[in-house]
C-alpha atoms as a PDB file:
ATOM      1  CA  MET A   1      24.139  13.152  -8.740  1.00  0.00           C
ATOM      2  CA  ALA A   2      23.108   9.582  -7.977  1.00  0.00           C
ATOM      3  CA  ARG A   3      25.472   7.519  -5.872  1.00  0.00           C
ATOM      4  CA  PRO A   4      27.431   4.993  -7.987  1.00  0.00           C
ATOM      5  CA  GLN A   5      26.091   1.487  -7.519  1.00  0.00           C
ATOM      6  CA  THR A   6      28.244  -1.418  -6.432  1.00  0.00           C
ATOM      7  CA  ASP A   7      28.442  -4.559  -8.552  1.00  0.00           C
ATOM      8  CA  ILE A   8      26.158  -6.313  -6.066  1.00  0.00           C
ATOM      9  CA  GLU A   9      23.577  -3.519  -6.300  1.00  0.00           C
ATOM     10  CA  VAL A  10      23.686  -3.585 -10.089  1.00  0.00           C
ATOM     11  CA  GLY A  11      23.313  -7.356 -10.056  1.00  0.00           C
ATOM     12  CA  ARG A  12      20.368  -7.204  -7.668  1.00  0.00           C
ATOM     13  CA  GLU A  13      18.585  -4.621  -9.797  1.00  0.00           C
ATOM     14  CA  HIS A  14      19.065  -6.768 -12.897  1.00  0.00           C
ATOM     15  CA  LEU A  15      17.691  -9.820 -11.112  1.00  0.00           C
ATOM     16  CA  ILE A  16      14.681  -7.849  -9.887  1.00  0.00           C
ATOM     17  CA  ASP A  17      14.036  -6.819 -13.496  1.00  0.00           C
ATOM     18  CA  VAL A  18      14.214 -10.436 -14.662  1.00  0.00           C
ATOM     19  CA  ALA A  19      12.102 -11.779 -11.789  1.00  0.00           C
ATOM     20  CA  THR A  20       9.477  -9.096 -12.365  1.00  0.00           C
ATOM     21  CA  ALA A  21       9.286 -10.022 -16.045  1.00  0.00           C
ATOM     22  CA  MET A  22       8.821 -13.684 -15.117  1.00  0.00           C
ATOM     23  CA  ILE A  23       5.956 -12.877 -12.760  1.00  0.00           C
ATOM     24  CA  GLU A  24       4.331 -10.596 -15.307  1.00  0.00           C
ATOM     25  CA  GLU A  25       4.532 -13.336 -17.932  1.00  0.00           C
ATOM     26  CA  ARG A  26       3.175 -16.257 -15.940  1.00  0.00           C
ATOM     27  CA  GLY A  27       2.424 -15.236 -12.378  1.00  0.00           C
ATOM     28  CA  ASN A  28       4.108 -16.060  -9.092  1.00  0.00           C
ATOM     29  CA  THR A  29       4.397 -19.796  -9.802  1.00  0.00           C
ATOM     30  CA  ALA A  30       6.765 -19.027 -12.686  1.00  0.00           C
ATOM     31  CA  LEU A  31       9.375 -17.682 -10.304  1.00  0.00           C
ATOM     32  CA  THR A  32      11.875 -20.291  -9.158  1.00  0.00           C
ATOM     33  CA  MET A  33      15.478 -19.668  -8.225  1.00  0.00           C
ATOM     34  CA  THR A  34      16.646 -22.163 -10.843  1.00  0.00           C
ATOM     35  CA  GLU A  35      14.769 -20.511 -13.698  1.00  0.00           C
ATOM     36  CA  LEU A  36      15.656 -17.036 -12.448  1.00  0.00           C
ATOM     37  CA  ALA A  37      19.331 -17.927 -12.618  1.00  0.00           C
ATOM     38  CA  SER A  38      18.879 -19.360 -16.109  1.00  0.00           C
ATOM     39  CA  ARG A  39      16.957 -16.341 -17.362  1.00  0.00           C
ATOM     40  CA  ALA A  40      19.549 -14.006 -15.876  1.00  0.00           C
ATOM     41  CA  GLY A  41      22.380 -15.934 -17.530  1.00  0.00           C
ATOM     42  CA  MET A  42      24.155 -16.991 -14.376  1.00  0.00           C
ATOM     43  CA  SER A  43      24.688 -20.090 -12.291  1.00  0.00           C
ATOM     44  CA  ALA A  44      22.479 -20.894  -9.322  1.00  0.00           C
ATOM     45  CA  ALA A  45      25.492 -20.506  -7.060  1.00  0.00           C
ATOM     46  CA  ASN A  46      26.105 -17.024  -8.407  1.00  0.00           C
ATOM     47  CA  LEU A  47      22.432 -16.089  -7.957  1.00  0.00           C
ATOM     48  CA  TYR A  48      22.687 -16.800  -4.228  1.00  0.00           C
ATOM     49  CA  ARG A  49      25.330 -14.081  -3.958  1.00  0.00           C
ATOM     50  CA  TYR A  50      22.504 -11.607  -4.502  1.00  0.00           C
ATOM     51  CA  PHE A  51      19.439 -13.279  -2.983  1.00  0.00           C
ATOM     52  CA  ASP A  52      19.388 -16.181  -0.563  1.00  0.00           C
ATOM     53  CA  SER A  53      15.811 -17.283  -1.304  1.00  0.00           C
ATOM     54  CA  LYS A  54      12.769 -16.763  -3.488  1.00  0.00           C
ATOM     55  CA  GLU A  55      11.178 -14.881  -0.598  1.00  0.00           C
ATOM     56  CA  ALA A  56      14.091 -12.419  -0.636  1.00  0.00           C
ATOM     57  CA  VAL A  57      13.474 -11.812  -4.337  1.00  0.00           C
ATOM     58  CA  ILE A  58       9.751 -11.226  -3.744  1.00  0.00           C
ATOM     59  CA  GLU A  59      10.592  -8.849  -0.909  1.00  0.00           C
ATOM     60  CA  ALA A  60      12.886  -6.874  -3.221  1.00  0.00           C
ATOM     61  CA  ILE A  61      10.164  -6.701  -5.890  1.00  0.00           C
ATOM     62  CA  ALA A  62       7.734  -5.457  -3.242  1.00  0.00           C
ATOM     63  CA  GLY A  63      10.246  -2.836  -2.159  1.00  0.00           C
ATOM     64  CA  ARG A  64      10.454  -1.495  -5.696  1.00  0.00           C
ATOM     65  CA  TRP A  65       6.637  -1.584  -6.071  1.00  0.00           C
ATOM     66  CA  PHE A  66       6.032   0.288  -2.818  1.00  0.00           C
ATOM     67  CA  ALA A  67       8.881   2.814  -3.125  1.00  0.00           C
ATOM     68  CA  PRO A  68       6.903   5.545  -4.931  1.00  0.00           C
ATOM     69  CA  LYS A  69       3.976   5.067  -2.562  1.00  0.00           C
ATOM     70  CA  VAL A  70       6.232   5.397   0.472  1.00  0.00           C
ATOM     71  CA  ALA A  71       7.713   8.568  -1.068  1.00  0.00           C
ATOM     72  CA  ILE A  72       4.205  10.008  -1.440  1.00  0.00           C
ATOM     73  CA  MET A  73       3.333   9.281   2.187  1.00  0.00           C
ATOM     74  CA  GLU A  74       6.551  10.845   3.461  1.00  0.00           C
ATOM     75  CA  GLU A  75       6.117  13.923   1.278  1.00  0.00           C
ATOM     76  CA  VAL A  76       2.525  14.494   2.385  1.00  0.00           C
ATOM     77  CA  VAL A  77       3.230  13.968   6.085  1.00  0.00           C
ATOM     78  CA  ALA A  78       6.155  16.411   5.921  1.00  0.00           C
ATOM     79  CA  SER A  79       4.108  19.057   4.113  1.00  0.00           C
ATOM     80  CA  ASP A  80       2.575  22.181   5.648  1.00  0.00           C
ATOM     81  CA  LEU A  81      -0.939  21.252   4.528  1.00  0.00           C
ATOM     82  CA  PRO A  82      -3.696  21.391   7.172  1.00  0.00           C
ATOM     83  CA  PRO A  83      -4.615  17.948   8.563  1.00  0.00           C
ATOM     84  CA  ARG A  84      -7.867  17.584   6.582  1.00  0.00           C
ATOM     85  CA  ARG A  85      -6.169  18.307   3.272  1.00  0.00           C
ATOM     86  CA  LYS A  86      -3.161  16.256   4.300  1.00  0.00           C
ATOM     87  CA  MET A  87      -5.400  13.251   4.973  1.00  0.00           C
ATOM     88  CA  TYR A  88      -6.980  13.559   1.519  1.00  0.00           C
ATOM     89  CA  GLU A  89      -3.635  13.888  -0.274  1.00  0.00           C
ATOM     90  CA  PHE A  90      -2.237  10.978   1.763  1.00  0.00           C
ATOM     91  CA  TYR A  91      -4.768   8.692   0.103  1.00  0.00           C
ATOM     92  CA  ALA A  92      -5.575  10.468  -3.175  1.00  0.00           C
ATOM     93  CA  ARG A  93      -2.020  10.640  -4.496  1.00  0.00           C
ATOM     94  CA  ARG A  94      -1.442   6.937  -3.928  1.00  0.00           C
ATOM     95  CA  PHE A  95      -4.867   6.070  -5.312  1.00  0.00           C
ATOM     96  CA  THR A  96      -4.256   7.910  -8.590  1.00  0.00           C
ATOM     97  CA  LEU A  97      -0.884   6.205  -8.930  1.00  0.00           C
ATOM     98  CA  VAL A  98      -2.348   2.741  -8.406  1.00  0.00           C
ATOM     99  CA  ARG A  99      -5.363   3.468 -10.612  1.00  0.00           C
ATOM    100  CA  ALA A 100      -3.030   4.382 -13.464  1.00  0.00           C
ATOM    101  CA  MET A 101      -1.344   0.995 -13.091  1.00  0.00           C
ATOM    102  CA  TRP A 102      -4.743  -0.722 -13.220  1.00  0.00           C
ATOM    103  CA  GLU A 103      -5.781   1.266 -16.283  1.00  0.00           C
ATOM    104  CA  ARG A 104      -2.617   0.275 -18.140  1.00  0.00           C
ATOM    105  CA  ASP A 105      -3.177  -3.447 -17.584  1.00  0.00           C
ATOM    106  CA  PRO A 106      -5.949  -4.765 -15.305  1.00  0.00           C
ATOM    107  CA  VAL A 107      -4.821  -8.382 -15.736  1.00  0.00           C
ATOM    108  CA  LEU A 108      -1.264  -7.577 -14.733  1.00  0.00           C
ATOM    109  CA  PHE A 109      -2.577  -5.524 -11.823  1.00  0.00           C
ATOM    110  CA  GLN A 110      -4.506  -8.566 -10.606  1.00  0.00           C
ATOM    111  CA  THR A 111      -1.324 -10.637 -10.883  1.00  0.00           C
ATOM    112  CA  TYR A 112       0.421  -8.278  -8.483  1.00  0.00           C
ATOM    113  CA  CYS A 113      -2.587  -8.428  -6.160  1.00  0.00           C
ATOM    114  CA  ASP A 114      -2.334 -12.234  -6.128  1.00  0.00           C
ATOM    115  CA  VAL A 115       1.401 -12.174  -5.440  1.00  0.00           C
ATOM    116  CA  GLY A 116       0.918  -9.670  -2.621  1.00  0.00           C
ATOM    117  CA  GLU A 117      -1.837 -11.761  -1.054  1.00  0.00           C
ATOM    118  CA  GLU A 118       0.222 -14.936  -1.249  1.00  0.00           C
ATOM    119  CA  HIS A 119       3.248 -13.252   0.321  1.00  0.00           C
ATOM    120  CA  PHE A 120       1.458 -10.850   2.654  1.00  0.00           C
ATOM    121  CA  GLU A 121       3.923 -11.407   5.482  1.00  0.00           C
ATOM    122  CA  LEU A 122       6.659  -9.994   3.227  1.00  0.00           C
ATOM    123  CA  VAL A 123       4.723  -6.764   2.611  1.00  0.00           C
ATOM    124  CA  ARG A 124       3.219  -6.318   6.068  1.00  0.00           C
ATOM    125  CA  SER A 125       5.926  -3.807   6.984  1.00  0.00           C
ATOM    126  CA  TYR A 126       4.587  -1.412   4.341  1.00  0.00           C
ATOM    127  CA  VAL A 127       1.088  -1.697   5.811  1.00  0.00           C
ATOM    128  CA  ASP A 128       2.538  -0.935   9.240  1.00  0.00           C
ATOM    129  CA  LEU A 129       4.456   2.029   7.794  1.00  0.00           C
ATOM    130  CA  GLY A 130       1.229   3.387   6.325  1.00  0.00           C
ATOM    131  CA  ASP A 131      -0.442   3.156   9.730  1.00  0.00           C
ATOM    132  CA  HIS A 132       2.517   4.926  11.309  1.00  0.00           C
ATOM    133  CA  HIS A 133       2.257   7.876   8.939  1.00  0.00           C
ATOM    134  CA  LEU A 134      -1.526   7.925   9.240  1.00  0.00           C
ATOM    135  CA  GLY A 135      -1.066   8.136  12.993  1.00  0.00           C
ATOM    136  CA  GLU A 136       1.022  11.280  12.537  1.00  0.00           C
ATOM    137  CA  ILE A 137      -1.776  12.934  10.568  1.00  0.00           C
ATOM    138  CA  VAL A 138      -4.384  11.807  13.103  1.00  0.00           C
ATOM    139  CA  ALA A 139      -2.307  13.271  15.939  1.00  0.00           C
ATOM    140  CA  GLU A 140      -2.179  16.626  14.125  1.00  0.00           C
ATOM    141  CA  ALA A 141      -5.930  16.498  13.573  1.00  0.00           C
ATOM    142  CA  MET A 142      -6.572  15.650  17.219  1.00  0.00           C
ATOM    143  CA  ALA A 143      -4.516  18.654  18.264  1.00  0.00           C
ATOM    144  CA  GLU A 144      -7.035  20.759  16.338  1.00  0.00           C
ATOM    145  CA  GLY A 145     -10.010  19.096  18.057  1.00  0.00           C
ATOM    146  CA  HIS A 146     -10.963  16.398  15.560  1.00  0.00           C
ATOM    147  CA  PHE A 147     -11.785  12.758  16.436  1.00  0.00           C
ATOM    148  CA  ALA A 148     -12.836  13.731  19.941  1.00  0.00           C
ATOM    149  CA  GLY A 149     -12.761  10.998  22.557  1.00  0.00           C
ATOM    150  CA  LEU A 150     -10.917   8.484  20.383  1.00  0.00           C
ATOM    151  CA  GLU A 151      -7.486   7.081  21.050  1.00  0.00           C
ATOM    152  CA  ILE A 152      -5.071   7.322  18.111  1.00  0.00           C
ATOM    153  CA  ASP A 153      -5.064   3.559  17.526  1.00  0.00           C
ATOM    154  CA  GLU A 154      -8.869   3.458  17.533  1.00  0.00           C
ATOM    155  CA  ALA A 155      -9.058   6.363  15.090  1.00  0.00           C
ATOM    156  CA  ILE A 156      -6.550   4.647  12.789  1.00  0.00           C
ATOM    157  CA  SER A 157      -8.601   1.446  12.834  1.00  0.00           C
ATOM    158  CA  LEU A 158     -11.845   3.264  12.020  1.00  0.00           C
ATOM    159  CA  ILE A 159     -10.247   5.357   9.271  1.00  0.00           C
ATOM    160  CA  ASN A 160      -8.676   2.277   7.695  1.00  0.00           C
ATOM    161  CA  GLN A 161     -12.103   0.675   7.479  1.00  0.00           C
ATOM    162  CA  MET A 162     -13.619   3.779   5.921  1.00  0.00           C
ATOM    163  CA  VAL A 163     -10.960   4.191   3.216  1.00  0.00           C
ATOM    164  CA  ALA A 164     -10.300   0.492   2.558  1.00  0.00           C
ATOM    165  CA  PRO A 165     -11.468   0.681  -1.093  1.00  0.00           C
ATOM    166  CA  TYR A 166      -8.730   3.256  -1.762  1.00  0.00           C
ATOM    167  CA  VAL A 167      -5.814   1.392  -0.186  1.00  0.00           C
ATOM    168  CA  ASN A 168      -6.605  -2.329  -0.352  1.00  0.00           C
ATOM    169  CA  ILE A 169      -5.398  -3.198  -3.853  1.00  0.00           C
ATOM    170  CA  GLY A 170      -7.354  -6.452  -3.946  1.00  0.00           C
ATOM    171  CA  LEU A 171     -10.576  -4.593  -3.227  1.00  0.00           C
ATOM    172  CA  MET A 172      -9.592  -1.807  -5.599  1.00  0.00           C
ATOM    173  CA  ALA A 173      -9.151  -4.316  -8.421  1.00  0.00           C
ATOM    174  CA  MET A 174     -12.749  -5.477  -7.990  1.00  0.00           C
ATOM    175  CA  ILE A 175     -14.470  -2.069  -7.821  1.00  0.00           C
ATOM    176  CA  MET A 176     -12.024   0.365  -9.461  1.00  0.00           C
ATOM    177  CA  PRO A 177     -14.582   1.905 -11.863  1.00  0.00           C
ATOM    178  CA  LYS A 178     -16.678   2.966  -8.857  1.00  0.00           C
ATOM    179  CA  LEU A 179     -13.810   4.793  -7.157  1.00  0.00           C
ATOM    180  CA  ASN A 180     -12.827   8.409  -7.719  1.00  0.00           C
ATOM    181  CA  GLU A 181     -11.239  11.370  -5.991  1.00  0.00           C
ATOM    182  CA  THR A 182     -14.560  13.139  -5.400  1.00  0.00           C
ATOM    183  CA  LYS A 183     -15.916  10.224  -3.375  1.00  0.00           C
ATOM    184  CA  LEU A 184     -12.654  10.003  -1.465  1.00  0.00           C
ATOM    185  CA  ALA A 185     -12.817  13.707  -0.596  1.00  0.00           C
ATOM    186  CA  ARG A 186     -16.335  13.266   0.735  1.00  0.00           C
ATOM    187  CA  ILE A 187     -15.219  10.323   2.863  1.00  0.00           C
ATOM    188  CA  VAL A 188     -12.390  12.399   4.328  1.00  0.00           C
ATOM    189  CA  ASP A 189     -14.760  15.313   5.005  1.00  0.00           C
ATOM    190  CA  ALA A 190     -17.183  12.908   6.709  1.00  0.00           C
ATOM    191  CA  MET A 191     -14.378  11.630   8.920  1.00  0.00           C
ATOM    192  CA  PHE A 192     -13.271  15.103   9.972  1.00  0.00           C
ATOM    193  CA  ASP A 193     -16.813  16.384  10.453  1.00  0.00           C
ATOM    194  CA  GLY A 194     -18.209  13.459  12.384  1.00  0.00           C
ATOM    195  CA  LEU A 195     -15.776  10.734  13.440  1.00  0.00           C
ATOM    196  CA  SER A 196     -15.584  10.727  17.235  1.00  0.00           C
ATOM    197  CA  ALA A 197     -16.430   8.694  20.302  1.00  0.00           C
ATOM    198  CA  VAL A 198     -19.710  10.583  20.768  1.00  0.00           C
ATOM    199  CA  ASP A 199     -22.779   8.338  20.829  1.00  0.00           C
ATOM    200  CA  ARG A 200     -25.334   9.978  18.561  1.00  0.00           C
ATOM    201  CA  GLY A 201     -27.850   7.150  18.750  1.00  0.00           C
ATOM    202  CA  ALA A 202     -26.605   4.585  16.250  1.00  0.00           C
ATOM    203  CA  SER A 203     -25.460   2.243  19.007  1.00  0.00           C
ATOM    204  CA  ALA A 204     -29.074   1.853  20.093  1.00  0.00           C
ATOM    205  CA  VAL A 205     -29.537  -0.694  17.294  1.00  0.00           C
ATOM    206  CA  SER A 206     -27.495  -3.121  19.367  1.00  0.00           C
ATOM    207  CA  GLY A 207     -30.570  -3.632  21.502  1.00  0.00           C
ATOM    208  CA  LEU A 208     -32.664  -4.853  18.592  1.00  0.00           C
ATOM    209  CA  ARG A 209     -33.389  -8.543  18.186  1.00  0.00           C
ATOM    210  CA  ALA A 210     -33.312 -10.307  14.859  1.00  0.00           C
ATOM    211  CA  ALA A 211     -36.697 -11.606  13.743  1.00  0.00           C
END
């Protein structure tokens, strides 16, 4: 049974609903504390009982937006799947969730991308959380002999670059039709089969000189 909400919690959830509707109607610029209070049917003074700034409202909206994605990451990391499969599910489950949002309304999806970009500092903690959970999977993989010679932080950086189209929502919005789970699986297999600190000859191109 869900824990009963306090009046403050109920009020905050209502305000998040109203603020989200405002952003979806007219974008981030539509959201002001004055209009939010008006749309919610309360005074500005009463609004500040729940949120002390527009940034706090945006942060709460981000928290709601990221909640199912955080749940996916936690579920996958806690699972008994082998590291290779765990890595795929870590990205694939979130990708399919976000793709469904894009398919429902690409314009609205782009609006959320714009809001996230404008307020990136407010959502950075979720990016850091993703790296933390990725690091747990990488550590498991390293214990089985994968990513030889790499430090965990270096492996995380390289993996993030390789899977960027499946986690960077701004990039996803631009190339979504080209993305699918099969390609993602092949990327993950390529990482597990070849990503390491071993020099196989590619670095030799650094000695070339541009014409």
